[in-house]
Amino acid sequence: MINKKHSSVLKKLVGILDKVEKPSRYIGNEYNAIKKDAEISMCLIFPDLYDVGMSHFGVKILYDIVNKTNFAKCERSYLPWPDMQQAMNDNDIPLYSYETYTPINEFDVIGFTLQYEMSYSNVLRSLRLGNIPVEIMRGCTNGCRFCQAGMIYRPIRERSAEDIFEISKEIIRKTGYEELSLLSLSSADHSQIEEATSMLKGIKDTSLSIPSTRANAFTVEIAKAIGTIRKSGITIAPEAGTQRLRDVINKGISEEDIFSAARMARDNGWNKIKLYFMIGLPTETDEDVKAIGEMLDKIKRLGFHEISATIGVFVPKAHTPFQFDAQIMPDEAFRRFKLLNWTRRFAKLSFTDPYKALIEGVLSRGVPEI
């Protein structure tokens, strides 16, 4: 990102600052503000007024730490007062950084500091002002025994099909993007997913993806609804290669569900498919691992031009039924990975780093001393 003031935002600000209360809240240019170029850009957002956020030492400390690195730069943003929010909406001004007036959705990373519960809703308001809607629903009640998110992000909260459509249109209009992804823990489980995908057909020349689809939730209706949209690929997460192990982790899908979803995707125009698996799940044997390769082989034979698979290492997470189960060590993970190397002849394999997974496991269940 070039270290210049964002001219489009700056020009619009000039026309509204004299119409809002305390315009100095919104112009930045403080003493000791840091403006630099770097490979990675980050914006720290304090989800409250500038008057409040400027006295917060935590933001200043993080701001200093990031900007002392050679590879990253950090800028700041704050939530405007309601009169300024209204003016920004009326004049199509996104939430921006105070150093270069760059819209927050152009940064590589954004971060929020949450000091008290009443600021939670301000995070959502900041994201809306920054044109970053992110998800179509939150929460999941499928109850996979390895999944922390499915345990702690309940209950399910959904956007309506109409809201999804309107937000999507606005994103495409403001960004010019040609690819749209419906994000959530399990998007195909949305109660109005068929209506939403049918409505999204009205957005021309746009690629649609539904990430990490539950196989038993991918229906003919969904496939047909997306059939007229340029498709980038489908992702399915069987997690395990055998039905026995999928039952152990309470995945709730059968092998027939998996192949049925793959066939529907193929028949409706997808030529790429990606699958997610884990090794090291409780009670896993070598036969379970080998079955991952056999499943990939069978799916490839359905006629996909490209098949890829990501193989992760199971990390026990706190607040899940598997929180006290053992995690396999890196040497054992590498041994099990080798059982799948033969599938590289027809599939693109990606293995997560077992050493990083070990660190994740320590941090996930670590004692206070850590």
Protein backbone atom coordinates (compact mmCIF):
# COMPACT_ATOMS: atom_id res chain seq x y z
CA MET A 1 0.00 0.00 0.00
CA ILE A 2 1.45 3.36 -1.02
CA ASN A 3 1.90 5.84 1.81
CA LYS A 4 -0.21 8.65 0.37
CA LYS A 5 -3.40 10.22 1.58
CA HIS A 6 -6.41 8.55 0.00
CA SER A 7 -7.62 11.38 -2.24
CA SER A 8 -11.18 10.12 -2.78
CA VAL A 9 -11.89 10.00 0.97
CA LEU A 10 -10.11 13.28 1.64
CA LYS A 11 -12.08 15.20 -0.98
CA LYS A 12 -15.41 14.00 0.42
CA LEU A 13 -14.37 14.81 4.00
CA VAL A 14 -13.69 18.41 3.06
CA GLY A 15 -17.35 18.83 2.18
CA ILE A 16 -18.83 17.50 5.44
CA LEU A 17 -16.49 18.31 8.33
CA ASP A 18 -17.99 21.77 8.83
CA LYS A 19 -21.42 20.17 9.26
CA VAL A 20 -20.63 17.82 12.16
CA GLU A 21 -19.86 18.29 15.83
CA LYS A 22 -16.17 18.48 16.76
CA PRO A 23 -14.67 17.92 13.29
CA SER A 24 -11.18 17.72 14.78
CA ARG A 25 -12.09 14.20 15.92
CA TYR A 26 -11.86 13.00 12.34
CA ILE A 27 -8.76 14.57 10.78
CA GLY A 28 -5.81 12.86 12.46
CA ASN A 29 -2.41 14.52 11.88
CA GLU A 30 -1.47 14.37 15.56
CA TYR A 31 2.07 14.83 16.77
CA ASN A 32 4.06 11.57 16.60
CA ALA A 33 1.60 9.88 14.22
CA ILE A 34 3.58 7.41 12.11
CA LYS A 35 3.30 7.31 8.34
CA LYS A 36 5.38 4.71 6.55
CA ASP A 37 5.44 2.21 3.71
CA ALA A 38 5.56 -1.51 4.41
CA GLU A 39 4.74 -4.85 2.86
CA ILE A 40 1.89 -5.56 5.31
CA SER A 41 -0.67 -2.97 6.35
CA MET A 42 -2.70 -3.08 9.56
CA CYS A 43 -5.38 -0.84 10.99
CA LEU A 44 -6.15 -0.85 14.73
CA ILE A 45 -9.74 0.18 15.39
CA PHE A 46 -10.94 1.47 18.72
CA PRO A 47 -14.73 0.94 18.59
CA ASP A 48 -15.63 4.14 20.37
CA LEU A 49 -15.15 7.88 20.04
CA TYR A 50 -11.73 9.32 19.22
CA ASP A 51 -11.97 11.30 22.47
CA VAL A 52 -12.11 8.02 24.41
CA GLY A 53 -9.73 5.96 22.28
CA MET A 54 -6.86 8.46 22.31
CA SER A 55 -6.42 7.91 26.06
CA HIS A 56 -6.13 4.14 25.69
CA PHE A 57 -2.56 2.98 26.26
CA GLY A 58 -3.11 -0.48 24.81
CA VAL A 59 -3.67 0.86 21.29
CA LYS A 60 -0.61 3.10 21.60
CA ILE A 61 1.57 0.18 22.68
CA LEU A 62 0.40 -2.06 19.82
CA TYR A 63 0.72 0.84 17.37
CA ASP A 64 4.34 1.34 18.44
CA ILE A 65 5.23 -2.36 18.34
CA VAL A 66 3.92 -2.90 14.81
CA ASN A 67 5.43 0.28 13.42
CA LYS A 68 8.87 -0.59 14.80
CA THR A 69 8.98 -3.61 12.47
CA ASN A 70 10.42 -3.37 8.98
CA PHE A 71 7.75 -5.45 7.28
CA ALA A 72 4.52 -3.94 8.63
CA LYS A 73 2.85 -0.61 9.20
CA CYS A 74 0.02 0.25 11.54
CA GLU A 75 -2.60 2.99 11.27
CA ARG A 76 -5.60 3.83 13.49
CA SER A 77 -9.33 4.37 13.23
CA TYR A 78 -12.15 5.18 15.65
CA LEU A 79 -15.93 4.96 15.59
CA PRO A 80 -17.47 8.34 14.67
CA TRP A 81 -20.29 10.04 16.57
CA PRO A 82 -23.78 9.38 15.09
CA ASP A 83 -23.87 12.70 13.20
CA MET A 84 -20.63 11.85 11.42
CA GLN A 85 -21.79 8.28 10.77
CA GLN A 86 -24.88 9.65 9.05
CA ALA A 87 -22.82 12.10 7.01
CA MET A 88 -20.44 9.32 5.97
CA ASN A 89 -23.33 7.10 4.86
CA ASP A 90 -24.98 9.96 2.96
CA ASN A 91 -21.76 10.78 1.12
CA ASP A 92 -20.53 7.23 0.55
CA ILE A 93 -17.47 7.68 2.81
CA PRO A 94 -16.19 4.41 4.34
CA LEU A 95 -14.57 4.19 7.76
CA TYR A 96 -10.96 5.22 7.18
CA SER A 97 -7.57 5.37 8.88
CA TYR A 98 -6.37 8.58 10.53
CA GLU A 99 -2.87 8.47 9.05
CA THR A 100 -3.62 8.19 5.31
CA TYR A 101 -7.44 8.27 5.10
CA THR A 102 -7.36 4.77 3.64
CA PRO A 103 -10.67 2.79 3.82
CA ILE A 104 -10.31 0.06 6.42
CA ASN A 105 -11.35 -2.63 3.91
CA GLU A 106 -8.12 -1.98 1.96
CA PHE A 107 -5.86 -3.04 4.83
CA ASP A 108 -4.35 -6.53 4.99
CA VAL A 109 -5.25 -6.84 8.68
CA ILE A 110 -7.69 -5.01 10.94
CA GLY A 111 -7.84 -5.40 14.70
CA PHE A 112 -10.24 -4.30 17.43
CA THR A 113 -9.68 -3.65 21.10
CA LEU A 114 -12.62 -4.55 23.35
CA GLN A 115 -12.51 -2.93 26.78
CA TYR A 116 -16.09 -3.43 27.92
CA GLU A 117 -19.19 -5.34 26.89
CA MET A 118 -21.13 -2.30 25.66
CA SER A 119 -18.60 -1.82 22.86
CA TYR A 120 -19.42 -5.16 21.23
CA SER A 121 -22.15 -3.71 19.03
CA ASN A 122 -19.78 -0.91 18.01
CA VAL A 123 -17.54 -3.50 16.36
CA LEU A 124 -20.41 -4.49 14.06
CA ARG A 125 -21.16 -0.84 13.35
CA SER A 126 -17.51 -0.22 12.49
CA LEU A 127 -17.50 -3.17 10.09
CA ARG A 128 -20.63 -1.88 8.39
CA LEU A 129 -19.15 1.60 8.02
CA GLY A 130 -16.04 -0.01 6.56
CA ASN A 131 -18.04 -2.11 4.09
CA ILE A 132 -16.86 -5.37 5.71
CA PRO A 133 -19.96 -7.57 6.29
CA VAL A 134 -17.91 -10.96 6.54
CA GLU A 135 -20.60 -13.65 7.43
CA ILE A 136 -24.16 -14.75 6.47
CA MET A 137 -24.76 -16.35 9.87
CA ARG A 138 -23.06 -17.08 13.17
CA GLY A 139 -23.11 -20.16 15.30
CA CYS A 140 -23.49 -23.86 14.58
CA THR A 141 -25.33 -26.64 16.39
CA ASN A 142 -24.01 -29.66 14.47
CA GLY A 143 -22.00 -30.69 17.53
CA CYS A 144 -18.79 -32.03 15.94
CA ARG A 145 -16.79 -33.17 18.96
CA PHE A 146 -13.49 -31.63 17.84
CA CYS A 147 -14.90 -28.18 17.03
CA GLN A 148 -14.58 -25.43 19.61
CA ALA A 149 -16.46 -22.87 17.51
CA GLY A 150 -19.50 -25.13 17.27
CA MET A 151 -19.55 -25.43 21.06
CA ILE A 152 -19.11 -21.81 22.10
CA TYR A 153 -20.73 -19.77 19.30
CA ARG A 154 -24.30 -20.74 20.03
CA PRO A 155 -27.11 -20.03 19.36
CA ILE A 156 -27.33 -19.74 15.58
CA ARG A 157 -27.94 -16.18 14.37
CA GLU A 158 -28.80 -15.73 10.70
CA ARG A 159 -29.05 -12.88 8.24
CA SER A 160 -32.20 -13.08 6.13
CA ALA A 161 -31.95 -14.03 2.46
CA GLU A 162 -32.98 -10.48 1.57
CA ASP A 163 -30.21 -8.98 3.72
CA ILE A 164 -27.62 -11.32 2.20
CA PHE A 165 -28.70 -10.30 -1.30
CA GLU A 166 -28.70 -6.55 -0.58
CA ILE A 167 -25.32 -6.67 1.20
CA SER A 168 -23.83 -8.71 -1.64
CA LYS A 169 -25.06 -6.26 -4.27
CA GLU A 170 -23.59 -3.37 -2.32
CA ILE A 171 -20.23 -5.12 -1.92
CA ILE A 172 -19.99 -5.82 -5.64
CA ARG A 173 -21.05 -2.27 -6.51
CA LYS A 174 -18.50 -0.64 -4.22
CA THR A 175 -15.55 -2.94 -4.78
CA GLY A 176 -15.81 -4.27 -8.32
CA TYR A 177 -15.03 -7.77 -7.05
CA GLU A 178 -16.07 -10.67 -9.26
CA GLU A 179 -16.05 -13.35 -6.57
CA LEU A 180 -18.49 -13.70 -3.70
CA SER A 181 -18.12 -16.13 -0.80
CA LEU A 182 -20.94 -16.93 1.64
CA LEU A 183 -19.09 -17.20 4.94
CA SER A 184 -20.11 -18.88 8.19
CA LEU A 185 -19.26 -22.00 10.17
CA SER A 186 -21.53 -24.03 7.86
CA SER A 187 -23.18 -21.89 5.18
CA ALA A 188 -25.17 -24.68 3.55
CA ASP A 189 -27.02 -25.16 6.86
CA HIS A 190 -28.50 -21.65 6.67
CA SER A 191 -32.29 -22.01 6.83
CA GLN A 192 -32.72 -19.76 3.77
CA ILE A 193 -29.65 -20.80 1.78
CA GLU A 194 -31.68 -21.91 -1.22
CA GLU A 195 -33.57 -18.63 -1.36
CA ALA A 196 -30.35 -16.66 -0.92
CA THR A 197 -28.47 -18.45 -3.69
CA SER A 198 -31.46 -18.12 -6.01
CA MET A 199 -31.55 -14.37 -5.42
CA LEU A 200 -27.79 -14.08 -5.95
CA LYS A 201 -28.24 -15.37 -9.49
CA GLY A 202 -29.31 -11.82 -10.30
CA ILE A 203 -25.77 -10.52 -9.79
CA LYS A 204 -24.16 -10.87 -13.21
CA ASP A 205 -20.64 -12.11 -13.92
CA THR A 206 -19.98 -13.02 -10.31
CA SER A 207 -18.35 -16.21 -9.03
CA LEU A 208 -20.03 -17.74 -5.98
CA SER A 209 -18.51 -20.10 -3.44
CA ILE A 210 -19.90 -21.73 -0.31
CA PRO A 211 -16.85 -22.67 1.77
CA SER A 212 -16.49 -25.91 3.69
CA THR A 213 -19.89 -27.31 2.83
CA ARG A 214 -21.44 -30.05 4.96
CA ALA A 215 -22.04 -32.85 2.49
CA ASN A 216 -25.51 -33.70 3.77
CA ALA A 217 -26.59 -30.06 3.48
CA PHE A 218 -25.59 -29.63 -0.17
CA THR A 219 -28.84 -30.24 -2.03
CA VAL A 220 -29.89 -30.41 -5.65
CA GLU A 221 -31.75 -27.15 -5.17
CA ILE A 222 -28.62 -25.34 -3.97
CA ALA A 223 -26.57 -26.78 -6.82
CA LYS A 224 -29.13 -25.71 -9.41
CA ALA A 225 -29.55 -22.28 -7.86
CA ILE A 226 -25.84 -21.65 -8.28
CA GLY A 227 -25.75 -23.35 -11.66
CA THR A 228 -25.99 -20.18 -13.73
CA ILE A 229 -23.25 -18.36 -11.81
CA ARG A 230 -19.61 -18.72 -12.82
CA LYS A 231 -18.29 -21.23 -10.32
CA SER A 232 -14.85 -21.24 -8.73
CA GLY A 233 -15.01 -24.51 -6.79
CA ILE A 234 -16.69 -26.42 -4.00
CA THR A 235 -15.24 -27.35 -0.63
CA ILE A 236 -16.37 -30.34 1.43
CA ALA A 237 -15.07 -31.31 4.87
CA PRO A 238 -15.40 -35.07 5.50
CA GLU A 239 -12.74 -34.71 8.26
CA ALA A 240 -12.11 -38.48 8.38
CA GLY A 241 -11.72 -41.23 5.78
CA THR A 242 -13.88 -43.90 7.39
CA GLN A 243 -17.46 -43.91 8.62
CA ARG A 244 -16.35 -45.39 11.93
CA LEU A 245 -14.15 -42.38 12.67
CA ARG A 246 -16.71 -39.86 11.41
CA ASP A 247 -19.14 -41.38 13.90
CA VAL A 248 -16.57 -41.06 16.69
CA ILE A 249 -16.22 -37.32 16.06
CA ASN A 250 -20.00 -36.93 15.57
CA LYS A 251 -19.59 -35.49 12.09
CA GLY A 252 -23.09 -36.57 11.18
CA ILE A 253 -22.50 -37.40 7.51
CA SER A 254 -22.22 -40.69 5.66
CA GLU A 255 -19.95 -41.71 2.80
CA GLU A 256 -22.98 -41.62 0.53
CA ASP A 257 -23.63 -38.01 1.59
CA ILE A 258 -20.07 -37.11 0.56
CA PHE A 259 -20.22 -38.76 -2.85
CA SER A 260 -23.75 -37.53 -3.49
CA ALA A 261 -22.64 -33.93 -2.87
CA ALA A 262 -19.61 -34.40 -5.14
CA ARG A 263 -21.76 -35.85 -7.94
CA MET A 264 -24.27 -33.01 -7.66
CA ALA A 265 -21.45 -30.47 -7.88
CA ARG A 266 -19.99 -32.21 -10.93
CA ASP A 267 -23.37 -32.49 -12.65
CA ASN A 268 -24.02 -28.79 -12.11
CA GLY A 269 -20.80 -27.52 -13.62
CA TRP A 270 -18.11 -27.57 -10.94
CA ASN A 271 -14.80 -28.94 -12.17
CA LYS A 272 -12.76 -28.24 -9.03
CA ILE A 273 -13.26 -29.74 -5.59
CA LYS A 274 -11.36 -29.33 -2.33
CA LEU A 275 -11.64 -31.55 0.73
CA TYR A 276 -10.57 -31.10 4.36
CA PHE A 277 -9.38 -33.97 6.55
CA MET A 278 -7.63 -34.38 9.89
CA ILE A 279 -5.18 -36.97 11.12
CA GLY A 280 -4.59 -37.83 14.76
CA LEU A 281 -8.25 -37.90 15.76
CA PRO A 282 -9.07 -39.98 18.86
CA THR A 283 -9.10 -43.75 18.12
CA GLU A 284 -7.60 -43.22 14.62
CA THR A 285 -5.71 -46.15 13.05
CA ASP A 286 -3.56 -46.42 9.94
CA GLU A 287 -6.55 -47.87 8.14
CA ASP A 288 -8.49 -44.67 8.82
CA VAL A 289 -5.65 -42.61 7.34
CA LYS A 290 -5.32 -44.82 4.27
CA ALA A 291 -9.05 -44.49 3.70
CA ILE A 292 -8.54 -40.74 3.11
CA GLY A 293 -6.47 -41.57 0.04
CA GLU A 294 -9.03 -44.09 -1.15
CA MET A 295 -11.78 -41.49 -0.86
CA LEU A 296 -9.75 -38.95 -2.84
CA ASP A 297 -9.18 -41.55 -5.56
CA LYS A 298 -12.89 -42.32 -5.82
CA ILE A 299 -13.84 -38.64 -6.00
CA LYS A 300 -11.23 -38.00 -8.69
CA ARG A 301 -12.79 -40.78 -10.75
CA LEU A 302 -16.10 -38.89 -10.73
CA GLY A 303 -14.59 -36.62 -13.37
CA PHE A 304 -13.26 -33.51 -11.63
CA HIS A 305 -10.49 -31.70 -13.48
CA GLU A 306 -8.82 -30.64 -10.26
CA ILE A 307 -8.95 -32.17 -6.79
CA SER A 308 -7.08 -30.87 -3.78
CA ALA A 309 -7.01 -31.81 -0.13
CA THR A 310 -5.79 -30.15 3.03
CA ILE A 311 -4.71 -32.57 5.76
CA GLY A 312 -4.52 -31.02 9.20
CA VAL A 313 -3.33 -32.35 12.54
CA PHE A 314 -6.03 -32.71 15.18
CA VAL A 315 -5.56 -30.19 17.99
CA PRO A 316 -7.63 -30.84 21.13
CA LYS A 317 -9.51 -27.66 22.07
CA ALA A 318 -10.77 -26.51 25.43
CA HIS A 319 -14.54 -26.71 26.02
CA THR A 320 -14.99 -29.60 23.58
CA PRO A 321 -15.64 -33.31 24.33
CA PHE A 322 -12.09 -34.07 23.14
CA GLN A 323 -10.35 -31.47 25.29
CA PHE A 324 -8.56 -34.09 27.40
CA ASP A 325 -7.57 -36.44 24.55
CA ALA A 326 -3.96 -36.86 23.50
CA GLN A 327 -2.44 -35.05 20.52
CA ILE A 328 -0.02 -36.94 18.26
CA MET A 329 3.56 -35.73 18.20
CA PRO A 330 5.21 -34.33 15.01
CA ASP A 331 7.16 -37.51 14.21
CA GLU A 332 3.97 -39.56 14.28
CA ALA A 333 2.16 -36.95 12.19
CA PHE A 334 4.86 -37.12 9.50
CA ARG A 335 4.63 -40.92 9.49
CA ARG A 336 0.87 -40.76 8.90
CA PHE A 337 1.29 -38.10 6.20
CA LYS A 338 3.54 -40.51 4.28
CA LEU A 339 0.66 -42.98 4.08
CA LEU A 340 -1.04 -40.50 1.74
CA ASN A 341 1.87 -39.49 -0.50
CA TRP A 342 0.72 -41.85 -3.29
CA THR A 343 -2.31 -39.61 -3.90
CA ARG A 344 -0.05 -36.81 -5.19
CA ARG A 345 -0.28 -38.50 -8.59
CA PHE A 346 -3.78 -37.11 -9.07
CA ALA A 347 -4.46 -34.67 -6.20
CA LYS A 348 -2.86 -31.55 -4.78
CA LEU A 349 -2.06 -32.28 -1.14
CA SER A 350 -1.37 -29.69 1.53
CA PHE A 351 -0.23 -30.77 4.99
CA THR A 352 -0.34 -28.46 7.99
CA ASP A 353 2.88 -28.09 9.97
CA PRO A 354 2.86 -30.64 12.85
CA TYR A 355 5.22 -28.47 14.90
CA LYS A 356 2.88 -25.50 14.67
CA ALA A 357 -0.01 -27.81 15.54
CA LEU A 358 1.87 -28.85 18.69
CA ILE A 359 2.26 -25.23 19.74
CA GLU A 360 -1.45 -24.68 19.05
CA GLY A 361 -2.25 -27.62 21.30
CA VAL A 362 -0.13 -26.26 24.14
CA LEU A 363 -1.71 -22.81 23.87
CA SER A 364 -5.20 -24.23 23.48
CA ARG A 365 -5.11 -26.16 26.73
CA GLY A 366 -2.26 -24.42 28.49
CA VAL A 367 -2.13 -23.73 32.21
CA PRO A 368 -1.99 -20.12 33.48
CA GLU A 369 1.83 -20.24 33.60
CA ILE A 370 1.91 -20.41 29.80
